[in-house]
């Protein structure tokens, strides 16, 4: 999948209420991020997404499933979805927001279709 396709898909989804940011990490170590709010800087998002992506091999080494997982923080959730080709999507969202019920699975299905 081309970098342009990932960037285009992210940009088409940055205005979803409740989403703070997106990150995509490919097996060849490329990362694409987009912040969806002014309170979440692109630099902070890049750093957070790099940490999440670096966690995946550790989870795999310890035999934890990595196809779908999430990190829950005080006011935010990072939903992670990993495709068979190793590409991983991170969706940073407001914890408890309606987004989690309405849009999450649509985004995950689209990500698998890219």
Protein backbone atom coordinates (compact mmCIF):
# COMPACT_ATOMS: atom_id res chain seq x y z
CA UNK A 1 0.00 0.00 0.00
CA UNK A 2 1.31 3.39 -0.92
CA UNK A 3 2.11 6.10 1.58
CA UNK A 4 -0.23 8.44 -0.29
CA UNK A 5 -3.16 6.05 0.22
CA UNK A 6 -2.58 5.89 3.99
CA UNK A 7 -2.21 9.66 4.25
CA UNK A 8 -5.33 10.23 2.14
CA UNK A 9 -7.38 7.83 4.28
CA UNK A 10 -6.22 9.49 7.50
CA UNK A 11 -6.98 12.98 6.18
CA UNK A 12 -10.47 11.87 5.15
CA UNK A 13 -11.21 10.86 8.75
CA UNK A 14 -9.64 13.62 10.88
CA UNK A 15 -12.95 15.38 11.57
CA UNK A 16 -14.69 12.52 13.39
CA UNK A 17 -15.92 13.76 16.79
CA UNK A 18 -14.13 12.06 19.68
CA UNK A 19 -11.00 11.18 17.69
CA UNK A 20 -7.79 12.81 18.94
CA UNK A 21 -5.45 11.41 16.32
CA UNK A 22 -4.40 8.59 14.03
CA UNK A 23 -1.21 6.66 13.52
CA UNK A 24 -0.26 4.01 10.98
CA UNK A 25 2.95 2.00 11.23
CA UNK A 26 4.10 -0.24 8.39
CA UNK A 27 6.38 -3.30 8.54
CA UNK A 28 9.16 -1.30 6.82
CA UNK A 29 9.07 1.17 9.76
CA UNK A 30 7.22 4.01 8.01
CA UNK A 31 4.82 5.93 10.24
CA UNK A 32 2.00 8.27 9.31
CA UNK A 33 0.28 10.37 11.97
CA UNK A 34 -2.34 13.08 12.06
CA UNK A 35 -3.59 15.03 15.04
CA UNK A 36 -7.30 15.82 15.07
CA UNK A 37 -7.23 18.41 17.83
CA UNK A 38 -5.13 21.43 18.66
CA UNK A 39 -4.58 20.14 22.21
CA UNK A 40 -2.73 17.06 20.89
CA UNK A 41 0.37 18.24 19.05
CA UNK A 42 1.70 16.29 16.06
CA UNK A 43 4.99 15.85 17.94
CA UNK A 44 3.23 14.34 20.96
CA UNK A 45 1.22 12.08 18.69
CA UNK A 46 4.34 10.95 16.81
CA UNK A 47 6.09 10.14 20.09
CA UNK A 48 3.07 8.28 21.51
CA UNK A 49 2.57 6.31 18.29
CA UNK A 50 6.26 5.34 18.13
CA UNK A 51 5.99 3.98 21.69
CA UNK A 52 2.87 1.99 20.81
CA UNK A 53 4.50 0.57 17.66
CA UNK A 54 7.61 -0.45 19.63
CA UNK A 55 5.39 -2.33 22.09
CA UNK A 56 4.07 -4.73 19.44
CA UNK A 57 7.21 -6.93 19.17
CA UNK A 58 7.37 -7.15 22.97
CA UNK A 59 3.73 -8.28 23.11
CA UNK A 60 4.41 -10.86 20.38
CA UNK A 61 7.53 -12.14 22.13
CA UNK A 62 5.42 -12.78 25.23
CA UNK A 63 2.67 -14.44 23.15
CA UNK A 64 0.06 -11.76 23.65
CA UNK A 65 -2.36 -11.34 20.73
CA UNK A 66 -1.58 -8.31 18.59
CA UNK A 67 -4.35 -8.40 15.98
CA UNK A 68 -6.48 -6.08 18.14
CA UNK A 69 -5.58 -4.45 21.41
CA UNK A 70 -6.02 -1.16 23.21
CA UNK A 71 -4.35 0.99 25.80
CA UNK A 72 -6.66 2.77 28.23
CA UNK A 73 -5.59 5.98 29.92
CA UNK A 74 -7.40 8.34 32.25
CA UNK A 75 -9.25 10.29 29.54
CA UNK A 76 -8.16 8.54 26.34
CA UNK A 77 -8.04 5.16 24.62
CA UNK A 78 -5.68 4.03 21.89
CA UNK A 79 -7.42 1.41 19.73
CA UNK A 80 -4.85 -0.65 17.82
CA UNK A 81 -5.57 -2.93 14.89
CA UNK A 82 -2.87 -4.96 13.12
CA UNK A 83 -3.34 -6.34 9.62
CA UNK A 84 -1.93 -9.66 8.40
CA UNK A 85 0.77 -7.79 6.47
CA UNK A 86 1.99 -6.25 9.77
CA UNK A 87 0.65 -2.74 9.18
CA UNK A 88 -0.82 -1.35 12.39
CA UNK A 89 -3.42 1.37 12.90
CA UNK A 90 -3.75 3.38 16.08
CA UNK A 91 -6.81 5.50 16.76
CA UNK A 92 -6.43 7.85 19.71
CA UNK A 93 -9.91 8.66 21.04
CA UNK A 94 -11.64 10.34 23.97
CA UNK A 95 -12.47 7.63 26.51
CA UNK A 96 -16.20 6.91 26.71
CA UNK A 97 -17.08 9.08 23.69
CA UNK A 98 -19.88 7.94 21.39
CA UNK A 99 -17.21 7.42 18.72
CA UNK A 100 -16.32 4.12 20.32
CA UNK A 101 -19.71 2.67 19.45
CA UNK A 102 -20.50 4.44 16.19
CA UNK A 103 -17.36 4.85 14.11
CA UNK A 104 -14.67 2.50 15.41
CA UNK A 105 -15.65 -0.63 13.48
CA UNK A 106 -16.25 1.33 10.29
CA UNK A 107 -12.71 2.72 10.49
CA UNK A 108 -11.24 -0.69 11.29
CA UNK A 109 -13.01 -2.29 8.33
CA UNK A 110 -11.85 0.48 6.00
CA UNK A 111 -8.28 0.08 7.27
CA UNK A 112 -8.33 -3.63 6.42
CA UNK A 113 -9.65 -2.75 2.96
CA UNK A 114 -6.83 -0.32 2.14
